[in-house]
């Protein structure tokens, strides 16, 4: 049927309903099978993005894989009706999809990083998995995970999970905060795995101390937040992070071979445009390597 359109006007095609799974590259069993099947030579690691800052890392086959800050439920919106923190897409896997993980690393106590519903789901199917949590908030998980499978993380005190060497490093989620015993609330992690050094900052802003310590570690890969901060988000109680400029400048200052930005994809109310990060690197640091991970994507890094 022919349809006439008045000159100078145009037809608007009805907007197609977007399935939340359309925002995910790979999900479910396909993704979990990829965790198990991926095999790597020395000097390489496999990395998967599972949303927000959630990251899966695998090196040696016999070392298994570890996971940082998995938020794989809708617990925030379910536990806090009316919250502005509503997921933009479904979790790429259920918590049970992390069955067999060697370890779960938690950077701090905020619900999108330490999700108790996710931890319970993992523990239900994988009680052998080690859980590493800042010592300041270990009490939050002591009734979920057996004590012998818990690591109380403290700034600068290294520990091992299978073939992964892990060193917590204090982060400043706008400020450095400690409990009465001097344990930091917010941590990042230095991770040494299969001949590769990785730094996952968790949530943090840039400080002189952080630049000095991370530069001394000489990471091959740095995972950095780029959602930034502003007056109005702060006024609503939203704690800020590096913005895209700071993350790019910081990544270059510490000498990272590869920068992987995060913390920009899950909550529409607390993000910055990742295209700004890319453009800033293009304009100022043309030789700096970076990678933007799609949710559910596997990325293999080789030194």
Protein backbone atom coordinates (compact mmCIF):
# COMPACT_ATOMS: atom_id res chain seq x y z
CA UNK A 1 0.00 0.00 0.00
CA UNK A 2 1.34 3.41 -1.01
CA UNK A 3 1.55 5.97 1.78
CA UNK A 4 1.69 9.71 1.02
CA UNK A 5 3.89 11.96 3.09
CA UNK A 6 3.51 15.73 3.14
CA UNK A 7 6.65 17.40 1.78
CA UNK A 8 8.94 18.61 4.55
CA UNK A 9 7.76 15.95 6.97
CA UNK A 10 8.93 12.43 7.67
CA UNK A 11 7.44 9.25 9.05
CA UNK A 12 8.52 8.02 12.43
CA UNK A 13 8.92 4.27 12.66
CA UNK A 14 7.48 2.97 15.92
CA UNK A 15 10.30 2.25 18.34
CA UNK A 16 11.06 -1.44 18.64
CA UNK A 17 10.94 -2.80 22.16
CA UNK A 18 14.54 -3.59 23.14
CA UNK A 19 15.11 -6.91 24.83
CA UNK A 20 17.48 -6.46 27.74
CA UNK A 21 19.45 -9.46 26.52
CA UNK A 22 20.21 -7.53 23.33
CA UNK A 23 22.71 -5.56 25.43
CA UNK A 24 24.73 -8.70 26.19
CA UNK A 25 27.31 -10.19 23.84
CA UNK A 26 27.30 -13.68 25.33
CA UNK A 27 25.32 -15.10 28.25
CA UNK A 28 24.22 -18.16 30.17
CA UNK A 29 25.66 -21.60 29.54
CA UNK A 30 27.57 -20.44 26.48
CA UNK A 31 29.48 -18.01 28.68
CA UNK A 32 30.15 -20.38 31.57
CA UNK A 33 31.36 -23.08 29.19
CA UNK A 34 33.77 -20.55 27.74
CA UNK A 35 35.25 -19.99 31.22
CA UNK A 36 36.02 -23.71 31.43
CA UNK A 37 37.20 -24.33 27.88
CA UNK A 38 39.57 -21.39 27.48
CA UNK A 39 43.22 -22.51 27.59
CA UNK A 40 46.13 -20.12 27.43
CA UNK A 41 49.91 -20.17 27.00
CA UNK A 42 52.23 -18.58 29.53
CA UNK A 43 52.25 -14.79 29.40
CA UNK A 44 48.54 -14.42 28.68
CA UNK A 45 45.24 -14.04 30.49
CA UNK A 46 41.59 -14.23 29.51
CA UNK A 47 39.22 -11.56 30.79
CA UNK A 48 35.42 -11.47 30.74
CA UNK A 49 33.18 -8.51 31.53
CA UNK A 50 30.09 -9.49 33.55
CA UNK A 51 28.78 -5.97 34.07
CA UNK A 52 29.48 -2.81 36.11
CA UNK A 53 33.02 -3.57 37.35
CA UNK A 54 32.45 -7.34 37.49
CA UNK A 55 35.42 -9.14 35.94
CA UNK A 56 36.37 -12.79 35.43
CA UNK A 57 40.10 -13.54 35.04
CA UNK A 58 41.72 -16.79 33.97
CA UNK A 59 45.39 -17.69 33.46
CA UNK A 60 46.75 -21.18 33.88
CA UNK A 61 44.20 -23.90 33.22
CA UNK A 62 45.00 -25.62 36.51
CA UNK A 63 44.62 -22.32 38.37
CA UNK A 64 40.98 -21.94 37.45
CA UNK A 65 39.43 -18.48 37.38
CA UNK A 66 38.74 -15.69 39.85
CA UNK A 67 35.97 -13.11 39.83
CA UNK A 68 35.99 -9.50 41.04
CA UNK A 69 32.83 -7.76 42.32
CA UNK A 70 30.12 -9.89 40.70
CA UNK A 71 26.67 -8.22 40.83
CA UNK A 72 24.44 -10.81 39.18
CA UNK A 73 20.98 -10.18 40.64
CA UNK A 74 18.36 -7.42 40.92
CA UNK A 75 18.86 -7.20 44.68
CA UNK A 76 19.38 -3.43 44.84
CA UNK A 77 16.01 -2.58 43.30
CA UNK A 78 14.32 -5.51 45.05
CA UNK A 79 15.62 -4.53 48.49
CA UNK A 80 15.15 -0.79 47.96
CA UNK A 81 11.84 -0.15 46.13
CA UNK A 82 11.87 3.18 44.34
CA UNK A 83 15.67 3.37 44.11
CA UNK A 84 17.17 5.13 41.12
CA UNK A 85 19.68 2.26 40.78
CA UNK A 86 17.86 -0.02 38.35
CA UNK A 87 19.76 -2.42 36.09
CA UNK A 88 19.73 -1.49 32.41
CA UNK A 89 20.22 -5.11 31.34
CA UNK A 90 19.85 -8.59 32.77
CA UNK A 91 22.85 -10.29 34.41
CA UNK A 92 24.77 -12.24 31.75
CA UNK A 93 24.84 -15.27 34.06
CA UNK A 94 23.17 -16.32 37.29
CA UNK A 95 25.31 -16.45 40.43
CA UNK A 96 25.27 -20.24 40.09
CA UNK A 97 27.05 -19.78 36.75
CA UNK A 98 30.23 -19.04 38.73
CA UNK A 99 30.30 -22.56 40.12
CA UNK A 100 33.89 -23.75 40.44
CA UNK A 101 35.44 -20.30 40.69
CA UNK A 102 38.74 -20.46 42.57
CA UNK A 103 37.98 -17.20 44.31
CA UNK A 104 35.72 -14.16 44.53
CA UNK A 105 37.41 -10.83 45.30
CA UNK A 106 35.31 -7.99 46.72
CA UNK A 107 36.66 -4.44 46.63
CA UNK A 108 34.20 -2.85 49.08
CA UNK A 109 30.81 -3.06 50.76
CA UNK A 110 28.55 -1.17 48.32
CA UNK A 111 25.71 -3.33 47.02
CA UNK A 112 26.83 -3.32 43.38
CA UNK A 113 30.22 -4.69 44.47
CA UNK A 114 29.40 -6.86 47.50
CA UNK A 115 26.05 -8.35 46.52
CA UNK A 116 25.07 -10.78 49.25
CA UNK A 117 22.47 -12.43 47.00
CA UNK A 118 25.17 -13.21 44.44
CA UNK A 119 27.52 -14.51 47.15
CA UNK A 120 24.79 -16.78 48.54
CA UNK A 121 24.07 -18.14 45.06
CA UNK A 122 27.73 -18.94 44.45
CA UNK A 123 28.17 -20.47 47.90
CA UNK A 124 25.14 -22.71 47.39
CA UNK A 125 26.70 -24.48 44.38
CA UNK A 126 30.39 -23.89 45.06
CA UNK A 127 31.21 -24.00 48.79
CA UNK A 128 34.88 -24.63 47.95
CA UNK A 129 35.23 -21.14 46.42
CA UNK A 130 37.36 -18.72 48.46
CA UNK A 131 35.82 -15.33 49.25
CA UNK A 132 38.17 -12.37 49.85
CA UNK A 133 36.56 -9.29 51.43
CA UNK A 134 38.00 -6.15 53.05
CA UNK A 135 38.69 -6.95 56.70
CA UNK A 136 36.61 -3.92 57.66
CA UNK A 137 33.45 -5.61 56.37
CA UNK A 138 34.19 -9.30 56.81
CA UNK A 139 31.30 -9.48 59.28
CA UNK A 140 28.82 -9.04 56.42
CA UNK A 141 29.63 -12.49 54.99
CA UNK A 142 30.63 -14.54 58.02
CA UNK A 143 27.20 -16.19 58.17
CA UNK A 144 27.31 -17.11 54.47
CA UNK A 145 30.77 -18.60 53.91
CA UNK A 146 32.73 -21.00 56.11
CA UNK A 147 35.54 -19.23 57.97
CA UNK A 148 38.30 -21.35 56.40
CA UNK A 149 37.17 -20.11 52.97
CA UNK A 150 37.26 -16.43 53.94
CA UNK A 151 40.17 -14.04 53.47
CA UNK A 152 40.16 -10.79 55.45
CA UNK A 153 41.88 -8.42 52.99
CA UNK A 154 44.22 -5.77 54.36
CA UNK A 155 46.16 -3.11 52.52
CA UNK A 156 49.50 -4.47 51.32
CA UNK A 157 49.08 -8.00 52.72
CA UNK A 158 49.44 -10.50 49.86
CA UNK A 159 47.77 -13.90 49.68
CA UNK A 160 47.35 -16.67 47.11
CA UNK A 161 44.31 -18.32 45.59
CA UNK A 162 45.60 -21.28 43.60
CA UNK A 163 48.05 -19.80 41.06
CA UNK A 164 46.89 -16.19 41.59
CA UNK A 165 48.98 -13.91 43.78
CA UNK A 166 46.77 -11.12 45.09
CA UNK A 167 47.80 -7.96 46.93
CA UNK A 168 45.09 -5.59 48.21
CA UNK A 169 45.81 -1.89 47.85
CA UNK A 170 43.89 0.92 49.54
CA UNK A 171 41.51 2.92 47.37
CA UNK A 172 40.07 6.37 47.97
CA UNK A 173 36.36 6.36 47.13
CA UNK A 174 36.64 10.17 47.34
CA UNK A 175 38.52 9.73 50.66
CA UNK A 176 40.49 6.97 52.38
CA UNK A 177 38.27 5.48 55.09
CA UNK A 178 39.26 3.02 57.83
CA UNK A 179 37.58 1.21 60.69
CA UNK A 180 38.68 1.50 64.32
CA UNK A 181 41.35 -1.15 63.74
CA UNK A 182 42.87 0.68 60.79
CA UNK A 183 41.39 -1.53 58.08
CA UNK A 184 40.54 0.23 54.84
CA UNK A 185 36.92 0.25 53.66
CA UNK A 186 37.86 0.43 49.96
CA UNK A 187 40.43 -1.70 48.20
CA UNK A 188 41.80 -2.41 44.75
CA UNK A 189 43.81 -5.51 43.87
CA UNK A 190 47.21 -6.20 42.34
CA UNK A 191 46.90 -9.60 40.66
CA UNK A 192 49.78 -11.65 39.28
CA UNK A 193 48.66 -14.48 37.05
CA UNK A 194 50.41 -16.61 34.42
CA UNK A 195 53.17 -14.05 33.92
CA UNK A 196 50.79 -11.07 33.64
CA UNK A 197 50.24 -8.24 36.15
CA UNK A 198 46.75 -6.78 36.51
CA UNK A 199 45.45 -3.91 38.62
CA UNK A 200 41.73 -3.69 39.37
CA UNK A 201 41.12 -0.42 41.18
CA UNK A 202 37.60 -1.02 42.44
CA UNK A 203 35.98 2.35 43.08
CA UNK A 204 38.48 5.16 43.57
CA UNK A 205 39.61 8.64 42.70
CA UNK A 206 43.22 9.52 41.90
CA UNK A 207 45.65 10.35 44.71
CA UNK A 208 49.40 10.91 44.75
CA UNK A 209 49.81 7.80 46.89
CA UNK A 210 47.81 5.68 44.48
CA UNK A 211 49.82 6.84 41.47
CA UNK A 212 53.08 6.06 43.23
CA UNK A 213 52.06 2.60 44.44
CA UNK A 214 50.48 1.41 41.20
CA UNK A 215 53.35 2.75 39.09
CA UNK A 216 55.76 0.76 41.27
CA UNK A 217 53.71 -2.40 40.60
CA UNK A 218 54.05 -1.85 36.82
CA UNK A 219 50.72 -3.39 35.73
CA UNK A 220 50.26 -4.77 32.24
CA UNK A 221 46.51 -4.18 32.49
CA UNK A 222 44.61 -1.57 34.54
CA UNK A 223 40.83 -1.76 35.11
CA UNK A 224 39.64 1.76 35.96
CA UNK A 225 36.23 3.38 36.63
CA UNK A 226 35.18 6.27 34.39
CA UNK A 227 31.75 7.27 35.74
CA UNK A 228 33.13 10.37 37.47
CA UNK A 229 31.32 12.54 40.01
CA UNK A 230 29.41 15.80 40.18
CA UNK A 231 27.62 18.03 42.67
CA UNK A 232 24.13 16.71 42.01
CA UNK A 233 25.01 13.03 42.23
CA UNK A 234 27.00 13.69 45.39
CA UNK A 235 24.01 15.55 46.85
CA UNK A 236 21.95 12.38 46.29
CA UNK A 237 24.49 10.30 48.19
CA UNK A 238 26.18 8.80 45.14
CA UNK A 239 29.89 8.38 45.84
CA UNK A 240 32.06 9.30 42.87
CA UNK A 241 35.08 7.90 41.03
CA UNK A 242 37.63 8.92 38.43
CA UNK A 243 36.15 10.59 35.39
CA UNK A 244 37.21 9.67 31.86
CA UNK A 245 40.08 12.20 31.76
CA UNK A 246 41.46 11.15 35.12
CA UNK A 247 41.30 7.45 34.22
CA UNK A 248 43.16 8.05 30.96
CA UNK A 249 45.79 10.30 32.59
CA UNK A 250 46.18 7.87 35.49
CA UNK A 251 46.55 4.85 33.20
CA UNK A 252 49.32 6.59 31.29
CA UNK A 253 50.99 7.88 34.47
CA UNK A 254 51.26 4.37 35.96
CA UNK A 255 52.64 2.94 32.73
CA UNK A 256 49.86 0.43 32.06
CA UNK A 257 50.23 -1.35 28.75
CA UNK A 258 46.44 -1.67 28.39
CA UNK A 259 43.60 0.28 30.03
CA UNK A 260 40.17 -1.30 30.39
CA UNK A 261 37.53 1.21 31.55
CA UNK A 262 34.52 0.09 33.60
CA UNK A 263 31.69 1.34 35.85
CA UNK A 264 29.79 3.05 33.03
CA UNK A 265 27.35 0.52 31.61
CA UNK A 266 24.85 -0.73 34.21
CA UNK A 267 23.08 2.22 35.84
CA UNK A 268 21.89 5.06 33.57
CA UNK A 269 21.81 7.47 36.54
CA UNK A 270 25.50 7.06 37.36
CA UNK A 271 27.62 7.06 34.26
CA UNK A 272 29.69 9.04 31.82
CA UNK A 273 29.86 8.50 28.07
CA UNK A 274 32.69 6.02 27.31
CA UNK A 275 33.11 7.70 23.93
CA UNK A 276 34.61 10.66 25.78
CA UNK A 277 37.28 8.35 27.19
CA UNK A 278 38.11 7.05 23.72
CA UNK A 279 38.21 10.54 22.21
CA UNK A 280 40.43 11.84 25.01
CA UNK A 281 42.95 9.04 24.46
CA UNK A 282 42.84 9.67 20.72
CA UNK A 283 43.52 13.38 21.20
CA UNK A 284 46.18 13.13 23.91
CA UNK A 285 47.66 9.62 24.07
CA UNK A 286 47.50 8.21 20.58
CA UNK A 287 49.80 5.28 21.40
CA UNK A 288 48.00 4.16 24.57
CA UNK A 289 46.30 0.78 24.21
CA UNK A 290 42.78 0.31 25.56
CA UNK A 291 39.84 -2.01 25.12
CA UNK A 292 36.13 -1.42 25.65
CA UNK A 293 34.61 -4.72 26.76
CA UNK A 294 31.06 -5.62 25.79
CA UNK A 295 29.10 -7.40 28.51
CA UNK A 296 29.75 -11.12 28.15
CA UNK A 297 32.79 -10.62 25.92
CA UNK A 298 36.00 -12.59 26.31
CA UNK A 299 39.21 -10.66 25.71
CA UNK A 300 42.57 -12.43 25.59
CA UNK A 301 45.68 -10.41 26.45
CA UNK A 302 49.13 -11.65 25.48
CA UNK A 303 52.35 -9.92 26.57
